[in-house]
Amino acid sequence: MSDGKRLLAVFLFFFDRQKAIIAGILEFGNRTGELQVRNVELTAHLMVVSLQSIEYRWIFDALDVPLSVYVDHMLDVIINGIKKR
């Protein structure tokens, strides 16, 4: 196996694990009534991809706002959406 294929396999392994963890949290929230997530798998995928985007920008020092502000805002949008409250 080439280094590129090995790296992709490792990336996909951790991506899938992260999605499973987030999906478990979302399912728990649905069961307890704290969340109302219609599509757990898609939402978990979106959250992991969003977090990886932040990781990339953080690693390459490309964030134009503090990391904590960026993460808090992203999670607020994912969890609460953008609809009028």
Protein backbone atom coordinates (compact mmCIF):
# COMPACT_ATOMS: atom_id res chain seq x y z
CA MET A 1 0.00 0.00 0.00
CA SER A 2 1.37 3.41 -0.96
CA ASP A 3 1.87 6.13 1.62
CA GLY A 4 -0.99 8.14 0.11
CA LYS A 5 -3.42 5.23 0.36
CA ARG A 6 -2.27 4.47 3.89
CA LEU A 7 -2.75 8.10 4.91
CA LEU A 8 -6.23 8.14 3.35
CA ALA A 9 -7.14 4.92 5.18
CA VAL A 10 -6.05 6.42 8.52
CA PHE A 11 -7.93 9.65 7.80
CA LEU A 12 -11.12 7.76 6.92
CA PHE A 13 -10.80 5.55 10.01
CA PHE A 14 -10.65 8.57 12.33
CA PHE A 15 -13.32 10.42 10.34
CA ASP A 16 -15.70 7.49 10.76
CA ARG A 17 -14.88 7.21 14.49
CA GLN A 18 -15.52 10.92 15.01
CA LYS A 19 -18.85 10.65 13.18
CA ALA A 20 -19.86 7.66 15.31
CA ILE A 21 -19.05 9.54 18.52
CA ILE A 22 -20.98 12.65 17.45
CA ALA A 23 -23.91 10.51 16.22
CA GLY A 24 -24.01 8.78 19.61
CA ILE A 25 -24.18 12.15 21.38
CA LEU A 26 -26.93 13.34 19.05
CA GLU A 27 -28.93 10.12 19.49
CA PHE A 28 -28.62 10.42 23.26
CA GLY A 29 -29.87 14.02 23.04
CA ASN A 30 -32.82 12.87 20.95
CA ARG A 31 -33.69 10.13 23.46
CA THR A 32 -33.53 12.47 26.44
CA GLY A 33 -35.51 15.18 24.68
CA GLU A 34 -32.70 17.73 24.84
CA LEU A 35 -32.27 17.72 21.06
CA GLN A 36 -34.48 17.27 18.03
CA VAL A 37 -32.13 16.08 15.32
CA ARG A 38 -34.03 14.77 12.30
CA ASN A 39 -31.10 13.24 10.46
CA VAL A 40 -28.48 12.13 12.97
CA GLU A 41 -26.03 10.69 10.43
CA LEU A 42 -26.04 13.76 8.19
CA THR A 43 -25.79 16.12 11.16
CA ALA A 44 -22.87 14.15 12.58
CA HIS A 45 -21.16 14.27 9.19
CA LEU A 46 -21.68 18.04 8.96
CA MET A 47 -20.32 18.60 12.45
CA VAL A 48 -17.18 16.53 11.85
CA VAL A 49 -16.48 18.24 8.52
CA SER A 50 -17.00 21.65 10.14
CA LEU A 51 -14.68 20.81 13.00
CA GLN A 52 -12.03 19.54 10.58
CA SER A 53 -12.27 22.82 8.69
CA ILE A 54 -11.56 24.67 11.93
CA GLU A 55 -8.67 22.30 12.74
CA TYR A 56 -7.11 22.99 9.34
CA ARG A 57 -7.40 26.77 9.67
CA TRP A 58 -6.11 26.61 13.26
CA ILE A 59 -3.10 24.49 12.29
CA PHE A 60 -2.16 26.88 9.49
CA ASP A 61 -2.87 29.94 11.64
CA ALA A 62 -5.54 31.16 9.24
CA LEU A 63 -8.27 32.01 11.76
CA ASP A 64 -9.17 35.69 11.82
CA VAL A 65 -11.03 35.35 15.15
CA PRO A 66 -10.04 33.53 18.35
CA LEU A 67 -10.50 29.76 18.11
CA SER A 68 -12.96 29.66 21.02
CA VAL A 69 -15.21 32.28 19.38
CA TYR A 70 -15.08 30.42 16.05
CA VAL A 71 -15.96 27.05 17.62
CA ASP A 72 -18.71 28.45 19.85
CA HIS A 73 -20.35 30.21 16.91
CA MET A 74 -20.12 27.17 14.65
CA LEU A 75 -21.68 24.93 17.29
CA ASP A 76 -24.43 27.48 17.95
CA VAL A 77 -25.31 27.52 14.25
CA ILE A 78 -25.29 23.72 14.03
CA ILE A 79 -27.27 23.15 17.23
CA ASN A 80 -29.67 26.09 17.13
CA GLY A 81 -29.76 26.79 13.41
CA ILE A 82 -30.34 30.17 11.86
CA LYS A 83 -34.10 30.35 12.22
CA LYS A 84 -35.85 33.12 14.10
CA ARG A 85 -36.16 32.35 17.81
